[in-house]
Amino acid sequence: MKKISVLAMVSILAATSAVAAGNSNTGCGLGSMIIPVQDTVATQVLAATTNGTSGNQTFGITSGSLNCTKPMKIVMNDQAQKFVADNMDSIAVEVAAGQGENLDTLLSLMNVEDKALAAAALKENFASIYTSTNVTSAEVIDNITTVL
C-alpha cells in the first residue's frame, strides 16, 4: 500500500511540474497565455493556431513576454543589427584582417571599450563567427557576442 501511495505522489508531482514548465509542443506566445493547460490535442492545436495566426511569438521572444524567455545572446542595439545586415561582406573581410573601418564602427555600435583587443579576438575566432557561406546577419551578431 505504501508503494502505491509513493508512486501516486511521484506521478502527481511529475505531472504538476510538467504543466508548470509549459508545453514544448506549442511554445510560448498568446496561445500559451489564453490556454495555460494544454493537456489534450484540441487545446494544443488551439494554442498553436492562436500563436500562428496572431504572429505574436516573435514579439514575445524579443521582449521576454507572453510566457517567452528572452534569449541571452541578443544585442539590444538595432543599429548594430542593421549595420551587420547591410555590410556582411565587408565586415567579414575586416574581421578576418582584424581591422577596418566597418569593424571599428560595429564595435562602437556594440559599445565595446577596447576595440583593439576585441578585433584581435574576432580575428582569432573568425571561423566560429562566419560558420558557413550561408550564415545570416543574426547568426553573425550572436557569434560575435559569444566571442566577446
N, C-alpha and C. Protein backbone atom coordinates (compact mmCIF):
# COMPACT_ATOMS: atom_id res chain seq x y z
N MET A 1 0.81 -1.19 0.00
CA MET A 1 0.00 0.00 0.00
C MET A 1 0.87 1.27 0.00
N LYS A 2 1.97 1.24 0.78
CA LYS A 2 2.85 2.40 0.85
C LYS A 2 3.50 2.66 -0.51
N LYS A 3 3.85 1.57 -1.22
CA LYS A 3 4.49 1.72 -2.53
C LYS A 3 3.54 2.41 -3.50
N ILE A 4 2.28 2.06 -3.46
CA ILE A 4 1.29 2.67 -4.36
C ILE A 4 1.12 4.14 -4.02
N SER A 5 1.08 4.48 -2.74
CA SER A 5 0.95 5.88 -2.33
C SER A 5 2.14 6.71 -2.78
N VAL A 6 3.34 6.17 -2.60
CA VAL A 6 4.56 6.88 -3.02
C VAL A 6 4.57 7.04 -4.53
N LEU A 7 4.20 6.00 -5.26
CA LEU A 7 4.15 6.06 -6.72
C LEU A 7 3.14 7.10 -7.19
N ALA A 8 1.99 7.16 -6.54
CA ALA A 8 0.98 8.15 -6.90
C ALA A 8 1.48 9.56 -6.64
N MET A 9 2.17 9.78 -5.51
CA MET A 9 2.71 11.10 -5.19
C MET A 9 3.73 11.54 -6.23
N VAL A 10 4.62 10.64 -6.59
CA VAL A 10 5.65 10.95 -7.59
C VAL A 10 5.00 11.28 -8.92
N SER A 11 3.99 10.54 -9.31
CA SER A 11 3.29 10.79 -10.56
C SER A 11 2.62 12.15 -10.56
N ILE A 12 1.98 12.50 -9.46
CA ILE A 12 1.31 13.80 -9.36
C ILE A 12 2.33 14.93 -9.41
N LEU A 13 3.43 14.80 -8.72
CA LEU A 13 4.47 15.84 -8.75
C LEU A 13 5.06 16.00 -10.14
N ALA A 14 5.30 14.89 -10.82
CA ALA A 14 5.85 14.95 -12.18
C ALA A 14 4.87 15.63 -13.13
N ALA A 15 3.60 15.30 -13.02
CA ALA A 15 2.58 15.91 -13.88
C ALA A 15 2.46 17.40 -13.60
N THR A 16 2.49 17.78 -12.34
CA THR A 16 2.38 19.18 -11.96
C THR A 16 3.57 19.98 -12.48
N SER A 17 4.76 19.45 -12.36
CA SER A 17 5.93 20.18 -12.85
C SER A 17 5.94 20.26 -14.36
N ALA A 18 5.42 19.26 -15.03
CA ALA A 18 5.35 19.30 -16.49
C ALA A 18 4.40 20.40 -16.96
N VAL A 19 3.27 20.56 -16.27
CA VAL A 19 2.32 21.61 -16.63
C VAL A 19 2.92 22.98 -16.32
N ALA A 20 3.60 23.09 -15.19
CA ALA A 20 4.19 24.37 -14.81
C ALA A 20 5.30 24.79 -15.76
N ALA A 21 5.99 23.83 -16.35
CA ALA A 21 7.08 24.15 -17.27
C ALA A 21 6.58 24.61 -18.62
N GLY A 22 5.29 24.49 -18.89
CA GLY A 22 4.76 24.88 -20.18
C GLY A 22 4.77 23.71 -21.14
N ASN A 23 4.20 23.94 -22.29
CA ASN A 23 4.10 22.88 -23.28
C ASN A 23 5.12 23.11 -24.37
N SER A 24 6.01 22.17 -24.57
CA SER A 24 7.05 22.33 -25.58
C SER A 24 6.50 22.13 -26.99
N ASN A 25 5.31 21.56 -27.14
CA ASN A 25 4.74 21.38 -28.47
C ASN A 25 4.28 22.69 -29.09
N THR A 26 3.70 23.56 -28.30
CA THR A 26 3.15 24.81 -28.84
C THR A 26 4.02 26.01 -28.56
N GLY A 27 4.92 25.91 -27.63
CA GLY A 27 5.82 27.00 -27.33
C GLY A 27 5.15 28.14 -26.58
N CYS A 28 5.83 29.27 -26.59
CA CYS A 28 5.32 30.43 -25.88
C CYS A 28 4.47 31.26 -26.83
N GLY A 29 3.83 32.27 -26.30
CA GLY A 29 3.02 33.16 -27.11
C GLY A 29 1.65 33.36 -26.52
N LEU A 30 0.82 34.07 -27.26
CA LEU A 30 -0.53 34.37 -26.80
C LEU A 30 -1.34 33.09 -26.55
N GLY A 31 -1.13 32.07 -27.36
CA GLY A 31 -1.84 30.80 -27.17
C GLY A 31 -1.55 30.17 -25.82
N SER A 32 -0.32 30.28 -25.36
CA SER A 32 0.02 29.72 -24.05
C SER A 32 -0.54 30.56 -22.91
N MET A 33 -0.84 31.82 -23.18
CA MET A 33 -1.44 32.68 -22.16
C MET A 33 -2.95 32.42 -22.06
N ILE A 34 -3.59 32.29 -23.21
CA ILE A 34 -5.04 32.09 -23.24
C ILE A 34 -5.39 30.68 -22.79
N ILE A 35 -4.58 29.70 -23.19
CA ILE A 35 -4.84 28.30 -22.87
C ILE A 35 -3.66 27.76 -22.06
N PRO A 36 -3.62 28.03 -20.75
CA PRO A 36 -2.47 27.62 -19.95
C PRO A 36 -2.36 26.10 -19.76
N VAL A 37 -3.48 25.41 -19.73
CA VAL A 37 -3.45 23.96 -19.56
C VAL A 37 -3.72 23.33 -20.93
N GLN A 38 -2.67 22.73 -21.50
CA GLN A 38 -2.76 22.14 -22.83
C GLN A 38 -2.55 20.64 -22.72
N ASP A 39 -3.53 19.96 -22.16
CA ASP A 39 -3.38 18.54 -21.91
C ASP A 39 -4.12 17.66 -22.91
N THR A 40 -4.70 18.25 -23.94
CA THR A 40 -5.35 17.47 -24.98
C THR A 40 -4.87 17.94 -26.34
N VAL A 41 -5.11 17.15 -27.34
CA VAL A 41 -4.73 17.53 -28.70
C VAL A 41 -5.47 18.80 -29.11
N ALA A 42 -6.74 18.87 -28.76
CA ALA A 42 -7.55 20.03 -29.15
C ALA A 42 -7.00 21.32 -28.55
N THR A 43 -6.63 21.31 -27.28
CA THR A 43 -6.12 22.54 -26.65
C THR A 43 -4.74 22.91 -27.21
N GLN A 44 -3.93 21.90 -27.54
CA GLN A 44 -2.62 22.19 -28.14
C GLN A 44 -2.78 22.77 -29.53
N VAL A 45 -3.70 22.22 -30.31
CA VAL A 45 -3.95 22.74 -31.67
C VAL A 45 -4.48 24.17 -31.58
N LEU A 46 -5.38 24.43 -30.66
CA LEU A 46 -5.92 25.77 -30.50
C LEU A 46 -4.84 26.76 -30.07
N ALA A 47 -3.98 26.36 -29.16
CA ALA A 47 -2.89 27.24 -28.72
C ALA A 47 -1.91 27.51 -29.87
N ALA A 48 -1.55 26.47 -30.61
CA ALA A 48 -0.62 26.64 -31.73
C ALA A 48 -1.24 27.51 -32.82
N THR A 49 -2.52 27.32 -33.09
CA THR A 49 -3.22 28.13 -34.09
C THR A 49 -3.28 29.58 -33.66
N THR A 50 -3.55 29.81 -32.39
CA THR A 50 -3.57 31.19 -31.87
C THR A 50 -2.20 31.83 -32.03
N ASN A 51 -1.15 31.10 -31.69
CA ASN A 51 0.21 31.64 -31.85
C ASN A 51 0.52 31.94 -33.31
N GLY A 52 0.14 31.02 -34.19
CA GLY A 52 0.47 31.17 -35.60
C GLY A 52 -0.30 32.27 -36.29
N THR A 53 -1.58 32.39 -36.00
CA THR A 53 -2.40 33.37 -36.70
C THR A 53 -2.22 34.79 -36.17
N SER A 54 -1.86 34.93 -34.91
CA SER A 54 -1.70 36.28 -34.36
C SER A 54 -0.28 36.81 -34.53
N GLY A 55 0.66 35.95 -34.91
CA GLY A 55 2.03 36.38 -35.16
C GLY A 55 2.69 37.04 -33.97
N ASN A 56 2.48 36.50 -32.78
CA ASN A 56 2.95 37.16 -31.57
C ASN A 56 4.20 36.55 -30.96
N GLN A 57 4.62 35.39 -31.43
CA GLN A 57 5.78 34.75 -30.79
C GLN A 57 7.06 35.56 -30.98
N THR A 58 7.24 36.18 -32.14
CA THR A 58 8.43 36.99 -32.35
C THR A 58 8.49 38.11 -31.34
N PHE A 59 7.36 38.79 -31.14
CA PHE A 59 7.31 39.85 -30.13
C PHE A 59 7.60 39.29 -28.74
N GLY A 60 7.00 38.16 -28.42
CA GLY A 60 7.20 37.56 -27.10
C GLY A 60 8.65 37.18 -26.85
N ILE A 61 9.30 36.63 -27.86
CA ILE A 61 10.70 36.21 -27.72
C ILE A 61 11.61 37.43 -27.55
N THR A 62 11.42 38.46 -28.38
CA THR A 62 12.31 39.61 -28.30
C THR A 62 12.05 40.47 -27.07
N SER A 63 10.82 40.45 -26.56
CA SER A 63 10.52 41.28 -25.39
C SER A 63 10.56 40.50 -24.08
N GLY A 64 10.59 39.16 -24.19
CA GLY A 64 10.59 38.35 -22.98
C GLY A 64 9.22 38.30 -22.31
N SER A 65 8.16 38.46 -23.10
CA SER A 65 6.80 38.42 -22.55
C SER A 65 6.02 37.25 -23.15
N LEU A 66 4.76 37.14 -22.81
CA LEU A 66 3.86 36.09 -23.34
C LEU A 66 4.39 34.68 -23.05
N ASN A 67 4.91 34.48 -21.86
CA ASN A 67 5.49 33.20 -21.44
C ASN A 67 6.74 32.81 -22.23
N CYS A 68 7.36 33.77 -22.91
CA CYS A 68 8.59 33.52 -23.67
C CYS A 68 9.79 33.97 -22.84
N THR A 69 10.89 33.31 -23.04
CA THR A 69 12.13 33.70 -22.39
C THR A 69 13.00 34.41 -23.40
N LYS A 70 13.46 35.58 -23.03
CA LYS A 70 14.31 36.36 -23.92
C LYS A 70 15.66 35.66 -24.05
N PRO A 71 16.17 35.50 -25.28
CA PRO A 71 17.46 34.86 -25.45
C PRO A 71 18.58 35.62 -24.73
N MET A 72 19.54 34.88 -24.20
CA MET A 72 20.64 35.51 -23.50
C MET A 72 21.58 36.21 -24.49
N LYS A 73 21.77 35.61 -25.65
CA LYS A 73 22.70 36.18 -26.62
C LYS A 73 21.93 37.08 -27.59
N ILE A 74 21.69 38.29 -27.17
CA ILE A 74 20.99 39.22 -28.05
C ILE A 74 21.62 40.59 -27.90
N VAL A 75 21.86 41.22 -29.00
CA VAL A 75 22.37 42.57 -28.99
C VAL A 75 21.16 43.48 -29.06
N MET A 76 21.01 44.32 -28.06
CA MET A 76 19.82 45.15 -27.98
C MET A 76 19.90 46.37 -28.87
N ASN A 77 20.97 46.53 -29.60
CA ASN A 77 21.17 47.70 -30.41
C ASN A 77 20.69 47.42 -31.84
N ASP A 78 19.56 48.00 -32.20
CA ASP A 78 19.02 47.80 -33.54
C ASP A 78 19.95 48.34 -34.61
N GLN A 79 20.69 49.40 -34.32
CA GLN A 79 21.62 49.96 -35.29
C GLN A 79 22.73 48.96 -35.62
N ALA A 80 23.23 48.25 -34.60
CA ALA A 80 24.28 47.26 -34.84
C ALA A 80 23.74 46.12 -35.69
N GLN A 81 22.52 45.68 -35.41
CA GLN A 81 21.92 44.59 -36.20
C GLN A 81 21.74 45.00 -37.65
N LYS A 82 21.24 46.20 -37.88
CA LYS A 82 21.05 46.69 -39.24
C LYS A 82 22.39 46.87 -39.94
N PHE A 83 23.38 47.39 -39.21
CA PHE A 83 24.70 47.62 -39.79
C PHE A 83 25.32 46.30 -40.27
N VAL A 84 25.22 45.26 -39.47
CA VAL A 84 25.76 43.95 -39.87
C VAL A 84 25.01 43.42 -41.08
N ALA A 85 23.70 43.54 -41.09
CA ALA A 85 22.90 43.05 -42.22
C ALA A 85 23.27 43.77 -43.51
N ASP A 86 23.54 45.07 -43.43
CA ASP A 86 23.86 45.86 -44.62
C ASP A 86 25.31 45.72 -45.08
N ASN A 87 26.21 45.26 -44.19
CA ASN A 87 27.64 45.25 -44.50
C ASN A 87 28.29 43.89 -44.25
N MET A 88 27.56 42.81 -44.46
CA MET A 88 28.06 41.46 -44.15
C MET A 88 29.42 41.17 -44.78
N ASP A 89 29.55 41.42 -46.07
CA ASP A 89 30.79 41.06 -46.77
C ASP A 89 31.99 41.85 -46.29
N SER A 90 31.84 43.16 -46.18
CA SER A 90 32.98 43.98 -45.76
C SER A 90 33.35 43.72 -44.30
N ILE A 91 32.36 43.45 -43.47
CA ILE A 91 32.67 43.11 -42.07
C ILE A 91 33.42 41.79 -42.01
N ALA A 92 33.04 40.81 -42.84
CA ALA A 92 33.74 39.52 -42.86
C ALA A 92 35.21 39.71 -43.23
N VAL A 93 35.47 40.52 -44.25
CA VAL A 93 36.85 40.78 -44.68
C VAL A 93 37.63 41.45 -43.55
N GLU A 94 37.02 42.40 -42.89
CA GLU A 94 37.71 43.15 -41.84
C GLU A 94 37.87 42.34 -40.55
N VAL A 95 36.93 41.46 -40.25
CA VAL A 95 37.11 40.56 -39.09
C VAL A 95 38.28 39.63 -39.37
N ALA A 96 38.36 39.12 -40.59
CA ALA A 96 39.48 38.23 -40.97
C ALA A 96 40.82 38.96 -40.87
N ALA A 97 40.83 40.24 -41.20
CA ALA A 97 42.06 41.03 -41.13
C ALA A 97 42.34 41.55 -39.72
N GLY A 98 41.30 41.63 -38.91
CA GLY A 98 41.47 42.14 -37.55
C GLY A 98 41.47 43.65 -37.45
N GLN A 99 41.04 44.32 -38.52
CA GLN A 99 41.00 45.77 -38.51
C GLN A 99 40.15 46.27 -39.68
N GLY A 100 39.71 47.51 -39.57
CA GLY A 100 38.96 48.12 -40.65
C GLY A 100 37.90 49.07 -40.13
N GLU A 101 37.46 49.96 -41.02
CA GLU A 101 36.50 50.99 -40.65
C GLU A 101 35.14 50.39 -40.26
N ASN A 102 34.66 49.41 -41.04
CA ASN A 102 33.36 48.80 -40.72
C ASN A 102 33.41 48.04 -39.40
N LEU A 103 34.51 47.34 -39.17
CA LEU A 103 34.66 46.60 -37.92
C LEU A 103 34.70 47.58 -36.74
N ASP A 104 35.42 48.67 -36.91
CA ASP A 104 35.51 49.69 -35.86
C ASP A 104 34.12 50.29 -35.57
N THR A 105 33.37 50.55 -36.63
CA THR A 105 32.01 51.09 -36.46
C THR A 105 31.12 50.09 -35.73
N LEU A 106 31.19 48.82 -36.13
CA LEU A 106 30.38 47.79 -35.47
C LEU A 106 30.72 47.70 -33.98
N LEU A 107 32.00 47.70 -33.66
CA LEU A 107 32.40 47.62 -32.26
C LEU A 107 31.94 48.84 -31.47
N SER A 108 31.91 50.00 -32.13
CA SER A 108 31.38 51.21 -31.48
C SER A 108 29.89 51.06 -31.23
N LEU A 109 29.16 50.56 -32.22
CA LEU A 109 27.71 50.36 -32.06
C LEU A 109 27.40 49.35 -30.97
N MET A 110 28.32 48.41 -30.75
CA MET A 110 28.13 47.39 -29.72
C MET A 110 28.69 47.84 -28.37
N ASN A 111 29.14 49.08 -28.29
CA ASN A 111 29.67 49.67 -27.06
C ASN A 111 30.87 48.91 -26.50
N VAL A 112 31.74 48.46 -27.39
CA VAL A 112 32.96 47.77 -26.98
C VAL A 112 34.00 48.83 -26.63
N GLU A 113 34.59 48.72 -25.45
CA GLU A 113 35.55 49.71 -24.99
C GLU A 113 36.93 49.50 -25.61
N ASP A 114 37.49 48.30 -25.49
CA ASP A 114 38.83 48.01 -26.02
C ASP A 114 38.69 47.39 -27.41
N LYS A 115 38.62 48.24 -28.42
CA LYS A 115 38.38 47.78 -29.79
C LYS A 115 39.53 46.95 -30.34
N ALA A 116 40.75 47.28 -29.98
CA ALA A 116 41.91 46.53 -30.48
C ALA A 116 41.88 45.10 -29.96
N LEU A 117 41.60 44.94 -28.68
CA LEU A 117 41.51 43.61 -28.09
C LEU A 117 40.35 42.82 -28.68
N ALA A 118 39.21 43.50 -28.86
CA ALA A 118 38.04 42.84 -29.44
C ALA A 118 38.32 42.42 -30.89
N ALA A 119 38.93 43.29 -31.68
CA ALA A 119 39.24 42.97 -33.08
C ALA A 119 40.18 41.78 -33.16
N ALA A 120 41.15 41.70 -32.26
CA ALA A 120 42.07 40.57 -32.24
C ALA A 120 41.34 39.27 -31.89
N ALA A 121 40.43 39.35 -30.93
CA ALA A 121 39.65 38.16 -30.54
C ALA A 121 38.75 37.70 -31.67
N LEU A 122 38.14 38.65 -32.38
CA LEU A 122 37.27 38.29 -33.50
C LEU A 122 38.09 37.67 -34.64
N LYS A 123 39.27 38.24 -34.90
CA LYS A 123 40.13 37.68 -35.95
C LYS A 123 40.51 36.24 -35.61
N GLU A 124 40.89 36.01 -34.37
CA GLU A 124 41.29 34.68 -33.92
C GLU A 124 40.13 33.67 -34.00
N ASN A 125 38.91 34.16 -33.86
CA ASN A 125 37.73 33.29 -33.86
C ASN A 125 36.88 33.45 -35.12
N PHE A 126 37.49 33.86 -36.21
CA PHE A 126 36.75 34.10 -37.45
C PHE A 126 35.88 32.91 -37.85
N ALA A 127 36.43 31.71 -37.77
CA ALA A 127 35.69 30.51 -38.20
C ALA A 127 34.46 30.24 -37.34
N SER A 128 34.49 30.68 -36.10
CA SER A 128 33.31 30.47 -35.25
C SER A 128 32.30 31.61 -35.40
N ILE A 129 32.68 32.69 -36.07
CA ILE A 129 31.76 33.80 -36.32
C ILE A 129 31.07 33.63 -37.67
N TYR A 130 31.87 33.39 -38.69
CA TYR A 130 31.34 33.13 -40.04
C TYR A 130 31.42 31.63 -40.26
N THR A 131 30.40 30.93 -39.80
CA THR A 131 30.42 29.47 -39.75
C THR A 131 30.17 28.80 -41.09
N SER A 132 29.60 29.53 -42.05
CA SER A 132 29.37 28.97 -43.39
C SER A 132 29.16 30.13 -44.36
N THR A 133 29.07 29.79 -45.63
CA THR A 133 28.82 30.83 -46.63
C THR A 133 27.38 31.32 -46.57
N ASN A 134 26.51 30.56 -45.91
CA ASN A 134 25.10 30.93 -45.79
C ASN A 134 24.75 31.52 -44.43
N VAL A 135 25.75 31.93 -43.67
CA VAL A 135 25.50 32.47 -42.33
C VAL A 135 24.66 33.75 -42.45
N THR A 136 23.73 33.93 -41.53
CA THR A 136 22.89 35.12 -41.55
C THR A 136 23.48 36.20 -40.66
N SER A 137 22.99 37.42 -40.84
CA SER A 137 23.50 38.53 -40.02
C SER A 137 23.15 38.32 -38.54
N ALA A 138 21.99 37.73 -38.27
CA ALA A 138 21.61 37.45 -36.87
C ALA A 138 22.57 36.45 -36.25
N GLU A 139 22.97 35.43 -37.02
CA GLU A 139 23.93 34.44 -36.51
C GLU A 139 25.29 35.09 -36.29
N VAL A 140 25.69 35.99 -37.19
CA VAL A 140 26.97 36.68 -37.03
C VAL A 140 26.95 37.50 -35.73
N ILE A 141 25.88 38.23 -35.48
CA ILE A 141 25.76 39.02 -34.25
C ILE A 141 25.84 38.11 -33.02
N ASP A 142 25.09 37.01 -33.04
CA ASP A 142 25.13 36.07 -31.92
C ASP A 142 26.54 35.52 -31.71
N ASN A 143 27.21 35.16 -32.81
CA ASN A 143 28.55 34.60 -32.72
C ASN A 143 29.56 35.63 -32.22
N ILE A 144 29.44 36.86 -32.67
CA ILE A 144 30.32 37.93 -32.18
C ILE A 144 30.10 38.15 -30.69
N THR A 145 28.85 38.17 -30.27
CA THR A 145 28.52 38.35 -28.86
C THR A 145 29.12 37.22 -28.02
N THR A 146 29.08 36.01 -28.54
CA THR A 146 29.65 34.87 -27.83
C THR A 146 31.17 35.02 -27.68
N VAL A 147 31.83 35.46 -28.74
CA VAL A 147 33.29 35.62 -28.70
C VAL A 147 33.69 36.73 -27.74
N LEU A 148 32.94 37.82 -27.76
CA LEU A 148 33.29 38.95 -26.91
C LEU A 148 32.80 38.73 -25.49
